[in-house]
Amino acid sequence: MAAAEQGTPKPPKAYEEFVQRFPKLGQAWDAIAEAGNEGPLDPKTRRLIKLAVAVGAMREGAVRASVRKALAAGVAPAELEQVVALAAGTIGLPAAVAVFTWMREAAE
């Protein structure tokens, strides 16, 4: 696996087992992540965008992972919460409340 971004928490055990079983998929995933990091956006902005995409797609696991990674990278909880507030008009209030719950649980 490629070197993780500094401050990134250890991946879940299920992820590690999956990429151990399918190493080429793990390598491809790392290549996608590396390619996405190329460009002018700073790490904090990238983390917030990745969270916003996960929120919009209603991907609970991705939301939780994004929150853990963002907090480890120094993103403030209030900044994460604003992502959900901004998304509420698009995803709807019930979905925003669900995402807010996932975020709070992931931050614990």
PDB file of N, CA and C in Angstrom:
ATOM      1  N   MET A   1       0.834  -1.181   0.000  1.00  0.00           N
ATOM      2  CA  MET A   1       0.000   0.000   0.000  1.00  0.00           C
ATOM      3  C   MET A   1       0.882   1.249   0.000  1.00  0.00           C
ATOM      4  N   ALA A   2       0.412   2.296  -0.654  1.00  0.00           N
ATOM      5  CA  ALA A   2       1.172   3.534  -0.704  1.00  0.00           C
ATOM      6  C   ALA A   2       1.186   4.183   0.669  1.00  0.00           C
ATOM      7  N   ALA A   3       2.120   5.072   0.862  1.00  0.00           N
ATOM      8  CA  ALA A   3       2.203   5.769   2.142  1.00  0.00           C
ATOM      9  C   ALA A   3       0.940   6.578   2.374  1.00  0.00           C
ATOM     10  N   ALA A   4       0.404   6.465   3.567  1.00  0.00           N
ATOM     11  CA  ALA A   4      -0.819   7.185   3.914  1.00  0.00           C
ATOM     12  C   ALA A   4      -0.489   8.649   4.162  1.00  0.00           C
ATOM     13  N   GLU A   5      -1.521   9.500   4.034  1.00  0.00           N
ATOM     14  CA  GLU A   5      -1.338  10.897   4.360  1.00  0.00           C
ATOM     15  C   GLU A   5      -0.988  10.997   5.833  1.00  0.00           C
ATOM     16  N   GLN A   6      -0.174  11.968   6.157  1.00  0.00           N
ATOM     17  CA  GLN A   6       0.235  12.134   7.543  1.00  0.00           C
ATOM     18  C   GLN A   6      -0.987  12.406   8.407  1.00  0.00           C
ATOM     19  N   GLY A   7      -1.057  11.733   9.543  1.00  0.00           N
ATOM     20  CA  GLY A   7      -2.164  11.919  10.461  1.00  0.00           C
ATOM     21  C   GLY A   7      -3.370  11.068  10.141  1.00  0.00           C
ATOM     22  N   THR A   8      -3.303  10.244   9.104  1.00  0.00           N
ATOM     23  CA  THR A   8      -4.430   9.405   8.736  1.00  0.00           C
ATOM     24  C   THR A   8      -4.502   8.211   9.682  1.00  0.00           C
ATOM     25  N   PRO A   9      -5.687   7.978  10.278  1.00  0.00           N
ATOM     26  CA  PRO A   9      -5.803   6.829  11.177  1.00  0.00           C
ATOM     27  C   PRO A   9      -5.653   5.508  10.429  1.00  0.00           C
ATOM     28  N   LYS A  10      -5.335   4.471  11.183  1.00  0.00           N
ATOM     29  CA  LYS A  10      -5.173   3.134  10.615  1.00  0.00           C
ATOM     30  C   LYS A  10      -6.510   2.683  10.007  1.00  0.00           C
ATOM     31  N   PRO A  11      -6.463   2.057   8.823  1.00  0.00           N
ATOM     32  CA  PRO A  11      -7.712   1.585   8.196  1.00  0.00           C
ATOM     33  C   PRO A  11      -8.369   0.482   9.032  1.00  0.00           C
ATOM     34  N   PRO A  12      -9.675   0.302   8.859  1.00  0.00           N
ATOM     35  CA  PRO A  12     -10.369  -0.778   9.573  1.00  0.00           C
ATOM     36  C   PRO A  12      -9.806  -2.148   9.191  1.00  0.00           C
ATOM     37  N   LYS A  13      -9.954  -3.092  10.086  1.00  0.00           N
ATOM     38  CA  LYS A  13      -9.446  -4.441   9.885  1.00  0.00           C
ATOM     39  C   LYS A  13     -10.033  -5.071   8.617  1.00  0.00           C
ATOM     40  N   ALA A  14     -11.309  -4.853   8.365  1.00  0.00           N
ATOM     41  CA  ALA A  14     -11.945  -5.434   7.175  1.00  0.00           C
ATOM     42  C   ALA A  14     -11.265  -4.943   5.900  1.00  0.00           C
ATOM     43  N   TYR A  15     -10.902  -3.663   5.861  1.00  0.00           N
ATOM     44  CA  TYR A  15     -10.198  -3.113   4.700  1.00  0.00           C
ATOM     45  C   TYR A  15      -8.848  -3.800   4.536  1.00  0.00           C
ATOM     46  N   GLU A  16      -8.116  -3.906   5.646  1.00  0.00           N
ATOM     47  CA  GLU A  16      -6.797  -4.534   5.575  1.00  0.00           C
ATOM     48  C   GLU A  16      -6.892  -5.980   5.099  1.00  0.00           C
ATOM     49  N   GLU A  17      -7.891  -6.704   5.583  1.00  0.00           N
ATOM     50  CA  GLU A  17      -8.076  -8.091   5.154  1.00  0.00           C
ATOM     51  C   GLU A  17      -8.435  -8.166   3.671  1.00  0.00           C
ATOM     52  N   PHE A  18      -9.276  -7.243   3.217  1.00  0.00           N
ATOM     53  CA  PHE A  18      -9.690  -7.227   1.816  1.00  0.00           C
ATOM     54  C   PHE A  18      -8.500  -6.980   0.896  1.00  0.00           C
ATOM     55  N   VAL A  19      -7.706  -5.951   1.202  1.00  0.00           N
ATOM     56  CA  VAL A  19      -6.579  -5.645   0.310  1.00  0.00           C
ATOM     57  C   VAL A  19      -5.464  -6.676   0.438  1.00  0.00           C
ATOM     58  N   GLN A  20      -5.412  -7.389   1.550  1.00  0.00           N
ATOM     59  CA  GLN A  20      -4.452  -8.501   1.650  1.00  0.00           C
ATOM     60  C   GLN A  20      -4.897  -9.630   0.729  1.00  0.00           C
ATOM     61  N   ARG A  21      -6.187  -9.864   0.687  1.00  0.00           N
ATOM     62  CA  ARG A  21      -6.736 -10.925  -0.177  1.00  0.00           C
ATOM     63  C   ARG A  21      -6.679 -10.521  -1.640  1.00  0.00           C
ATOM     64  N   PHE A  22      -6.898  -9.231  -1.945  1.00  0.00           N
ATOM     65  CA  PHE A  22      -6.918  -8.715  -3.317  1.00  0.00           C
ATOM     66  C   PHE A  22      -5.927  -7.555  -3.435  1.00  0.00           C
ATOM     67  N   PRO A  23      -4.635  -7.848  -3.429  1.00  0.00           N
ATOM     68  CA  PRO A  23      -3.633  -6.776  -3.407  1.00  0.00           C
ATOM     69  C   PRO A  23      -3.682  -5.842  -4.615  1.00  0.00           C
ATOM     70  N   LYS A  24      -4.027  -6.358  -5.783  1.00  0.00           N
ATOM     71  CA  LYS A  24      -4.084  -5.480  -6.961  1.00  0.00           C
ATOM     72  C   LYS A  24      -5.196  -4.449  -6.829  1.00  0.00           C
ATOM     73  N   LEU A  25      -6.312  -4.823  -6.209  1.00  0.00           N
ATOM     74  CA  LEU A  25      -7.374  -3.843  -5.970  1.00  0.00           C
ATOM     75  C   LEU A  25      -6.905  -2.787  -4.978  1.00  0.00           C
ATOM     76  N   GLY A  26      -6.164  -3.206  -3.964  1.00  0.00           N
ATOM     77  CA  GLY A  26      -5.607  -2.251  -3.007  1.00  0.00           C
ATOM     78  C   GLY A  26      -4.649  -1.278  -3.675  1.00  0.00           C
ATOM     79  N   GLN A  27      -3.806  -1.805  -4.565  1.00  0.00           N
ATOM     80  CA  GLN A  27      -2.858  -0.951  -5.285  1.00  0.00           C
ATOM     81  C   GLN A  27      -3.596   0.019  -6.204  1.00  0.00           C
ATOM     82  N   ALA A  28      -4.640  -0.464  -6.863  1.00  0.00           N
ATOM     83  CA  ALA A  28      -5.421   0.405  -7.740  1.00  0.00           C
ATOM     84  C   ALA A  28      -6.108   1.510  -6.935  1.00  0.00           C
ATOM     85  N   TRP A  29      -6.616   1.147  -5.772  1.00  0.00           N
ATOM     86  CA  TRP A  29      -7.291   2.127  -4.897  1.00  0.00           C
ATOM     87  C   TRP A  29      -6.294   3.199  -4.467  1.00  0.00           C
ATOM     88  N   ASP A  30      -5.084   2.766  -4.092  1.00  0.00           N
ATOM     89  CA  ASP A  30      -4.047   3.719  -3.700  1.00  0.00           C
ATOM     90  C   ASP A  30      -3.686   4.652  -4.860  1.00  0.00           C
ATOM     91  N   ALA A  31      -3.616   4.106  -6.062  1.00  0.00           N
ATOM     92  CA  ALA A  31      -3.288   4.923  -7.235  1.00  0.00           C
ATOM     93  C   ALA A  31      -4.372   5.968  -7.496  1.00  0.00           C
ATOM     94  N   ILE A  32      -5.619   5.578  -7.326  1.00  0.00           N
ATOM     95  CA  ILE A  32      -6.723   6.533  -7.501  1.00  0.00           C
ATOM     96  C   ILE A  32      -6.611   7.657  -6.470  1.00  0.00           C
ATOM     97  N   ALA A  33      -6.352   7.283  -5.223  1.00  0.00           N
ATOM     98  CA  ALA A  33      -6.226   8.291  -4.164  1.00  0.00           C
ATOM     99  C   ALA A  33      -5.067   9.244  -4.440  1.00  0.00           C
ATOM    100  N   GLU A  34      -3.930   8.694  -4.860  1.00  0.00           N
ATOM    101  CA  GLU A  34      -2.764   9.529  -5.161  1.00  0.00           C
ATOM    102  C   GLU A  34      -3.059  10.489  -6.309  1.00  0.00           C
ATOM    103  N   ALA A  35      -3.721   9.991  -7.342  1.00  0.00           N
ATOM    104  CA  ALA A  35      -4.051  10.844  -8.492  1.00  0.00           C
ATOM    105  C   ALA A  35      -5.015  11.957  -8.090  1.00  0.00           C
ATOM    106  N   GLY A  36      -5.958  11.642  -7.239  1.00  0.00           N
ATOM    107  CA  GLY A  36      -6.909  12.645  -6.782  1.00  0.00           C
ATOM    108  C   GLY A  36      -6.272  13.731  -5.943  1.00  0.00           C
ATOM    109  N   ASN A  37      -5.168  13.404  -5.286  1.00  0.00           N
ATOM    110  CA  ASN A  37      -4.483  14.391  -4.445  1.00  0.00           C
ATOM    111  C   ASN A  37      -3.624  15.352  -5.238  1.00  0.00           C
ATOM    112  N   GLU A  38      -3.398  15.055  -6.521  1.00  0.00           N
ATOM    113  CA  GLU A  38      -2.606  15.959  -7.356  1.00  0.00           C
ATOM    114  C   GLU A  38      -3.443  17.178  -7.696  1.00  0.00           C
ATOM    115  N   GLY A  39      -2.871  18.331  -7.559  1.00  0.00           N
ATOM    116  CA  GLY A  39      -3.585  19.546  -7.903  1.00  0.00           C
ATOM    117  C   GLY A  39      -3.421  20.612  -6.834  1.00  0.00           C
ATOM    118  N   PRO A  40      -4.107  21.731  -7.016  1.00  0.00           N
ATOM    119  CA  PRO A  40      -3.874  22.893  -6.159  1.00  0.00           C
ATOM    120  C   PRO A  40      -4.576  22.870  -4.794  1.00  0.00           C
ATOM    121  N   LEU A  41      -5.489  21.937  -4.562  1.00  0.00           N
ATOM    122  CA  LEU A  41      -6.219  21.964  -3.297  1.00  0.00           C
ATOM    123  C   LEU A  41      -5.347  21.484  -2.148  1.00  0.00           C
ATOM    124  N   ASP A  42      -5.433  22.186  -1.036  1.00  0.00           N
ATOM    125  CA  ASP A  42      -4.662  21.809   0.144  1.00  0.00           C
ATOM    126  C   ASP A  42      -5.328  20.609   0.822  1.00  0.00           C
ATOM    127  N   PRO A  43      -4.593  19.902   1.692  1.00  0.00           N
ATOM    128  CA  PRO A  43      -5.131  18.691   2.320  1.00  0.00           C
ATOM    129  C   PRO A  43      -6.446  18.898   3.078  1.00  0.00           C
ATOM    130  N   LYS A  44      -6.578  20.003   3.781  1.00  0.00           N
ATOM    131  CA  LYS A  44      -7.818  20.270   4.526  1.00  0.00           C
ATOM    132  C   LYS A  44      -9.002  20.400   3.576  1.00  0.00           C
ATOM    133  N   THR A  45      -8.834  21.143   2.516  1.00  0.00           N
ATOM    134  CA  THR A  45      -9.913  21.311   1.536  1.00  0.00           C
ATOM    135  C   THR A  45     -10.260  19.973   0.903  1.00  0.00           C
ATOM    136  N   ARG A  46      -9.253  19.176   0.581  1.00  0.00           N
ATOM    137  CA  ARG A  46      -9.518  17.851   0.011  1.00  0.00           C
ATOM    138  C   ARG A  46     -10.332  17.001   0.977  1.00  0.00           C
ATOM    139  N   ARG A  47      -9.994  17.027   2.246  1.00  0.00           N
ATOM    140  CA  ARG A  47     -10.726  16.245   3.247  1.00  0.00           C
ATOM    141  C   ARG A  47     -12.191  16.689   3.315  1.00  0.00           C
ATOM    142  N   LEU A  48     -12.431  18.005   3.299  1.00  0.00           N
ATOM    143  CA  LEU A  48     -13.803  18.509   3.375  1.00  0.00           C
ATOM    144  C   LEU A  48     -14.596  18.142   2.120  1.00  0.00           C
ATOM    145  N   ILE A  49     -13.952  18.181   0.971  1.00  0.00           N
ATOM    146  CA  ILE A  49     -14.630  17.802  -0.269  1.00  0.00           C
ATOM    147  C   ILE A  49     -14.962  16.312  -0.253  1.00  0.00           C
ATOM    148  N   LYS A  50     -14.023  15.490   0.194  1.00  0.00           N
ATOM    149  CA  LYS A  50     -14.292  14.050   0.251  1.00  0.00           C
ATOM    150  C   LYS A  50     -15.453  13.763   1.193  1.00  0.00           C
ATOM    151  N   LEU A  51     -15.513  14.483   2.315  1.00  0.00           N
ATOM    152  CA  LEU A  51     -16.650  14.329   3.224  1.00  0.00           C
ATOM    153  C   LEU A  51     -17.941  14.742   2.525  1.00  0.00           C
ATOM    154  N   ALA A  52     -17.916  15.854   1.827  1.00  0.00           N
ATOM    155  CA  ALA A  52     -19.122  16.331   1.152  1.00  0.00           C
ATOM    156  C   ALA A  52     -19.614  15.331   0.107  1.00  0.00           C
ATOM    157  N   VAL A  53     -18.700  14.718  -0.612  1.00  0.00           N
ATOM    158  CA  VAL A  53     -19.084  13.713  -1.607  1.00  0.00           C
ATOM    159  C   VAL A  53     -19.713  12.510  -0.912  1.00  0.00           C
ATOM    160  N   ALA A  54     -19.113  12.070   0.189  1.00  0.00           N
ATOM    161  CA  ALA A  54     -19.661  10.942   0.945  1.00  0.00           C
ATOM    162  C   ALA A  54     -21.048  11.265   1.491  1.00  0.00           C
ATOM    163  N   VAL A  55     -21.220  12.493   1.954  1.00  0.00           N
ATOM    164  CA  VAL A  55     -22.524  12.931   2.465  1.00  0.00           C
ATOM    165  C   VAL A  55     -23.552  12.912   1.341  1.00  0.00           C
ATOM    166  N   GLY A  56     -23.212  13.488   0.217  1.00  0.00           N
ATOM    167  CA  GLY A  56     -24.141  13.546  -0.906  1.00  0.00           C
ATOM    168  C   GLY A  56     -24.531  12.175  -1.421  1.00  0.00           C
ATOM    169  N   ALA A  57     -23.597  11.237  -1.346  1.00  0.00           N
ATOM    170  CA  ALA A  57     -23.864   9.874  -1.803  1.00  0.00           C
ATOM    171  C   ALA A  57     -24.514   9.019  -0.715  1.00  0.00           C
ATOM    172  N   MET A  58     -24.628   9.584   0.489  1.00  0.00           N
ATOM    173  CA  MET A  58     -25.199   8.873   1.643  1.00  0.00           C
ATOM    174  C   MET A  58     -24.464   7.557   1.895  1.00  0.00           C
ATOM    175  N   ARG A  59     -23.149   7.618   1.847  1.00  0.00           N
ATOM    176  CA  ARG A  59     -22.291   6.455   2.098  1.00  0.00           C
ATOM    177  C   ARG A  59     -21.834   6.513   3.553  1.00  0.00           C
ATOM    178  N   GLU A  60     -22.536   5.801   4.410  1.00  0.00           N
ATOM    179  CA  GLU A  60     -22.259   5.877   5.841  1.00  0.00           C
ATOM    180  C   GLU A  60     -20.807   5.559   6.176  1.00  0.00           C
ATOM    181  N   GLY A  61     -20.287   4.473   5.645  1.00  0.00           N
ATOM    182  CA  GLY A  61     -18.899   4.107   5.937  1.00  0.00           C
ATOM    183  C   GLY A  61     -17.927   5.173   5.484  1.00  0.00           C
ATOM    184  N   ALA A  62     -18.165   5.749   4.323  1.00  0.00           N
ATOM    185  CA  ALA A  62     -17.279   6.796   3.806  1.00  0.00           C
ATOM    186  C   ALA A  62     -17.388   8.068   4.640  1.00  0.00           C
ATOM    187  N   VAL A  63     -18.601   8.379   5.116  1.00  0.00           N
ATOM    188  CA  VAL A  63     -18.765   9.538   5.990  1.00  0.00           C
ATOM    189  C   VAL A  63     -17.958   9.333   7.267  1.00  0.00           C
ATOM    190  N   ARG A  64     -18.126   8.169   7.882  1.00  0.00           N
ATOM    191  CA  ARG A  64     -17.411   7.887   9.136  1.00  0.00           C
ATOM    192  C   ARG A  64     -15.897   7.932   8.930  1.00  0.00           C
ATOM    193  N   ALA A  65     -15.411   7.321   7.857  1.00  0.00           N
ATOM    194  CA  ALA A  65     -13.973   7.334   7.575  1.00  0.00           C
ATOM    195  C   ALA A  65     -13.488   8.757   7.305  1.00  0.00           C
ATOM    196  N   SER A  66     -14.267   9.517   6.548  1.00  0.00           N
ATOM    197  CA  SER A  66     -13.882  10.896   6.238  1.00  0.00           C
ATOM    198  C   SER A  66     -13.788  11.741   7.501  1.00  0.00           C
ATOM    199  N   VAL A  67     -14.718  11.534   8.412  1.00  0.00           N
ATOM    200  CA  VAL A  67     -14.691  12.284   9.674  1.00  0.00           C
ATOM    201  C   VAL A  67     -13.441  11.932  10.475  1.00  0.00           C
ATOM    202  N   ARG A  68     -13.162  10.641  10.616  1.00  0.00           N
ATOM    203  CA  ARG A  68     -11.973  10.225  11.375  1.00  0.00           C
ATOM    204  C   ARG A  68     -10.697  10.792  10.755  1.00  0.00           C
ATOM    205  N   LYS A  69     -10.591  10.709   9.440  1.00  0.00           N
ATOM    206  CA  LYS A  69      -9.395  11.200   8.757  1.00  0.00           C
ATOM    207  C   LYS A  69      -9.281  12.716   8.856  1.00  0.00           C
ATOM    208  N   ALA A  70     -10.391  13.411   8.711  1.00  0.00           N
ATOM    209  CA  ALA A  70     -10.370  14.874   8.790  1.00  0.00           C
ATOM    210  C   ALA A  70      -9.979  15.338  10.189  1.00  0.00           C
ATOM    211  N   LEU A  71     -10.549  14.730  11.214  1.00  0.00           N
ATOM    212  CA  LEU A  71     -10.196  15.109  12.583  1.00  0.00           C
ATOM    213  C   LEU A  71      -8.723  14.841  12.853  1.00  0.00           C
ATOM    214  N   ALA A  72      -8.216  13.705  12.380  1.00  0.00           N
ATOM    215  CA  ALA A  72      -6.803  13.377  12.557  1.00  0.00           C
ATOM    216  C   ALA A  72      -5.899  14.375  11.835  1.00  0.00           C
ATOM    217  N   ALA A  73      -6.415  14.964  10.751  1.00  0.00           N
ATOM    218  CA  ALA A  73      -5.641  15.941   9.979  1.00  0.00           C
ATOM    219  C   ALA A  73      -5.794  17.362  10.523  1.00  0.00           C
ATOM    220  N   GLY A  74      -6.566  17.525  11.608  1.00  0.00           N
ATOM    221  CA  GLY A  74      -6.693  18.838  12.228  1.00  0.00           C
ATOM    222  C   GLY A  74      -7.890  19.662  11.797  1.00  0.00           C
ATOM    223  N   VAL A  75      -8.806  19.073  11.056  1.00  0.00           N
ATOM    224  CA  VAL A  75     -10.016  19.798  10.675  1.00  0.00           C
ATOM    225  C   VAL A  75     -10.901  19.926  11.924  1.00  0.00           C
ATOM    226  N   ALA A  76     -11.429  21.106  12.151  1.00  0.00           N
ATOM    227  CA  ALA A  76     -12.252  21.366  13.338  1.00  0.00           C
ATOM    228  C   ALA A  76     -13.629  20.718  13.195  1.00  0.00           C
ATOM    229  N   PRO A  77     -14.187  20.206  14.300  1.00  0.00           N
ATOM    230  CA  PRO A  77     -15.532  19.622  14.249  1.00  0.00           C
ATOM    231  C   PRO A  77     -16.580  20.574  13.662  1.00  0.00           C
ATOM    232  N   ALA A  78     -16.479  21.854  13.977  1.00  0.00           N
ATOM    233  CA  ALA A  78     -17.443  22.817  13.439  1.00  0.00           C
ATOM    234  C   ALA A  78     -17.377  22.898  11.921  1.00  0.00           C
ATOM    235  N   GLU A  79     -16.195  22.711  11.354  1.00  0.00           N
ATOM    236  CA  GLU A  79     -16.048  22.726   9.896  1.00  0.00           C
ATOM    237  C   GLU A  79     -16.724  21.504   9.284  1.00  0.00           C
ATOM    238  N   LEU A  80     -16.594  20.354   9.940  1.00  0.00           N
ATOM    239  CA  LEU A  80     -17.261  19.146   9.463  1.00  0.00           C
ATOM    240  C   LEU A  80     -18.771  19.313   9.529  1.00  0.00           C
ATOM    241  N   GLU A  81     -19.238  19.881  10.621  1.00  0.00           N
ATOM    242  CA  GLU A  81     -20.678  20.078  10.784  1.00  0.00           C
ATOM    243  C   GLU A  81     -21.235  21.026   9.727  1.00  0.00           C
ATOM    244  N   GLN A  82     -20.450  22.025   9.339  1.00  0.00           N
ATOM    245  CA  GLN A  82     -20.924  22.947   8.308  1.00  0.00           C
ATOM    246  C   GLN A  82     -21.126  22.245   6.975  1.00  0.00           C
ATOM    247  N   VAL A  83     -20.328  21.230   6.698  1.00  0.00           N
ATOM    248  CA  VAL A  83     -20.515  20.449   5.470  1.00  0.00           C
ATOM    249  C   VAL A  83     -21.915  19.852   5.453  1.00  0.00           C
ATOM    250  N   VAL A  84     -22.339  19.301   6.583  1.00  0.00           N
ATOM    251  CA  VAL A  84     -23.680  18.711   6.667  1.00  0.00           C
ATOM    252  C   VAL A  84     -24.743  19.796   6.543  1.00  0.00           C
ATOM    253  N   ALA A  85     -24.530  20.928   7.182  1.00  0.00           N
ATOM    254  CA  ALA A  85     -25.491  22.027   7.086  1.00  0.00           C
ATOM    255  C   ALA A  85     -25.643  22.495   5.640  1.00  0.00           C
ATOM    256  N   LEU A  86     -24.532  22.578   4.928  1.00  0.00           N
ATOM    257  CA  LEU A  86     -24.586  22.983   3.523  1.00  0.00           C
ATOM    258  C   LEU A  86     -25.290  21.945   2.658  1.00  0.00           C
ATOM    259  N   ALA A  87     -25.129  20.683   3.000  1.00  0.00           N
ATOM    260  CA  ALA A  87     -25.733  19.607   2.217  1.00  0.00           C
ATOM    261  C   ALA A  87     -27.220  19.441   2.493  1.00  0.00           C
ATOM    262  N   ALA A  88     -27.700  19.935   3.629  1.00  0.00           N
ATOM    263  CA  ALA A  88     -29.089  19.689   4.045  1.00  0.00           C
ATOM    264  C   ALA A  88     -30.107  20.103   2.979  1.00  0.00           C
ATOM    265  N   GLY A  89     -29.881  21.213   2.319  1.00  0.00           N
ATOM    266  CA  GLY A  89     -30.823  21.670   1.306  1.00  0.00           C
ATOM    267  C   GLY A  89     -30.879  20.747   0.094  1.00  0.00           C
ATOM    268  N   THR A  90     -29.828  20.003  -0.140  1.00  0.00           N
ATOM    269  CA  THR A  90     -29.768  19.092  -1.278  1.00  0.00           C
ATOM    270  C   THR A  90     -30.223  17.686  -0.911  1.00  0.00           C
ATOM    271  N   ILE A  91     -29.753  17.184   0.230  1.00  0.00           N
ATOM    272  CA  ILE A  91     -30.072  15.796   0.600  1.00  0.00           C
ATOM    273  C   ILE A  91     -31.327  15.685   1.452  1.00  0.00           C
ATOM    274  N   GLY A  92     -31.822  16.809   1.979  1.00  0.00           N
ATOM    275  CA  GLY A  92     -33.023  16.802   2.808  1.00  0.00           C
ATOM    276  C   GLY A  92     -32.690  16.722   4.291  1.00  0.00           C
ATOM    277  N   LEU A  93     -33.614  17.206   5.101  1.00  0.00           N
ATOM    278  CA  LEU A  93     -33.368  17.264   6.534  1.00  0.00           C
ATOM    279  C   LEU A  93     -33.233  15.884   7.174  1.00  0.00           C
ATOM    280  N   PRO A  94     -34.104  14.908   6.874  1.00  0.00           N
ATOM    281  CA  PRO A  94     -33.921  13.595   7.506  1.00  0.00           C
ATOM    282  C   PRO A  94     -32.551  12.973   7.191  1.00  0.00           C
ATOM    283  N   ALA A  95     -32.105  13.102   5.958  1.00  0.00           N
ATOM    284  CA  ALA A  95     -30.795  12.561   5.587  1.00  0.00           C
ATOM    285  C   ALA A  95     -29.681  13.335   6.288  1.00  0.00           C
ATOM    286  N   ALA A  96     -29.826  14.648   6.393  1.00  0.00           N
ATOM    287  CA  ALA A  96     -28.808  15.456   7.064  1.00  0.00           C
ATOM    288  C   ALA A  96     -28.703  15.077   8.539  1.00  0.00           C
ATOM    289  N   VAL A  97     -29.836  14.808   9.166  1.00  0.00           N
ATOM    290  CA  VAL A  97     -29.820  14.383  10.570  1.00  0.00           C
ATOM    291  C   VAL A  97     -29.127  13.026  10.699  1.00  0.00           C
ATOM    292  N   ALA A  98     -29.388  12.125   9.770  1.00  0.00           N
ATOM    293  CA  ALA A  98     -28.723  10.818   9.791  1.00  0.00           C
ATOM    294  C   ALA A  98     -27.220  10.991   9.660  1.00  0.00           C
ATOM    295  N   VAL A  99     -26.784  11.810   8.715  1.00  0.00           N
ATOM    296  CA  VAL A  99     -25.353  12.042   8.503  1.00  0.00           C
ATOM    297  C   VAL A  99     -24.741  12.687   9.742  1.00  0.00           C
ATOM    298  N   PHE A 100     -25.444  13.635  10.324  1.00  0.00           N
ATOM    299  CA  PHE A 100     -24.958  14.297  11.535  1.00  0.00           C
ATOM    300  C   PHE A 100     -24.734  13.266  12.647  1.00  0.00           C
ATOM    301  N   THR A 101     -25.637  12.308  12.745  1.00  0.00           N
ATOM    302  CA  THR A 101     -25.498  11.239  13.735  1.00  0.00           C
ATOM    303  C   THR A 101     -24.264  10.393  13.447  1.00  0.00           C
ATOM    304  N   TRP A 102     -24.063  10.016  12.179  1.00  0.00           N
ATOM    305  CA  TRP A 102     -22.884   9.223  11.807  1.00  0.00           C
ATOM    306  C   TRP A 102     -21.609   9.982  12.159  1.00  0.00           C
ATOM    307  N   MET A 103     -21.613  11.295  11.892  1.00  0.00           N
ATOM    308  CA  MET A 103     -20.441  12.108  12.148  1.00  0.00           C
ATOM    309  C   MET A 103     -20.137  12.152  13.642  1.00  0.00           C
ATOM    310  N   ARG A 104     -21.147  12.372  14.450  1.00  0.00           N
ATOM    311  CA  ARG A 104     -20.933  12.471  15.892  1.00  0.00           C
ATOM    312  C   ARG A 104     -20.413  11.153  16.456  1.00  0.00           C
ATOM    313  N   GLU A 105     -20.972  10.031  15.962  1.00  0.00           N
ATOM    314  CA  GLU A 105     -20.513   8.722  16.430  1.00  0.00           C
ATOM    315  C   GLU A 105     -19.072   8.462  16.002  1.00  0.00           C
ATOM    316  N   ALA A 106     -18.725   8.857  14.791  1.00  0.00           N
ATOM    317  CA  ALA A 106     -17.364   8.640  14.292  1.00  0.00           C
ATOM    318  C   ALA A 106     -16.343   9.488  15.060  1.00  0.00           C
ATOM    319  N   ALA A 107     -16.789  10.641  15.544  1.00  0.00           N
ATOM    320  CA  ALA A 107     -15.897  11.548  16.251  1.00  0.00           C
ATOM    321  C   ALA A 107     -15.644  11.118  17.693  1.00  0.00           C
ATOM    322  N   GLU A 108     -16.461  10.218  18.196  1.00  0.00           N
ATOM    323  CA  GLU A 108     -16.316   9.781  19.597  1.00  0.00           C
ATOM    324  C   GLU A 108     -15.107   8.921  19.809  1.00  0.00           C
TER     325      GLU A 108
END
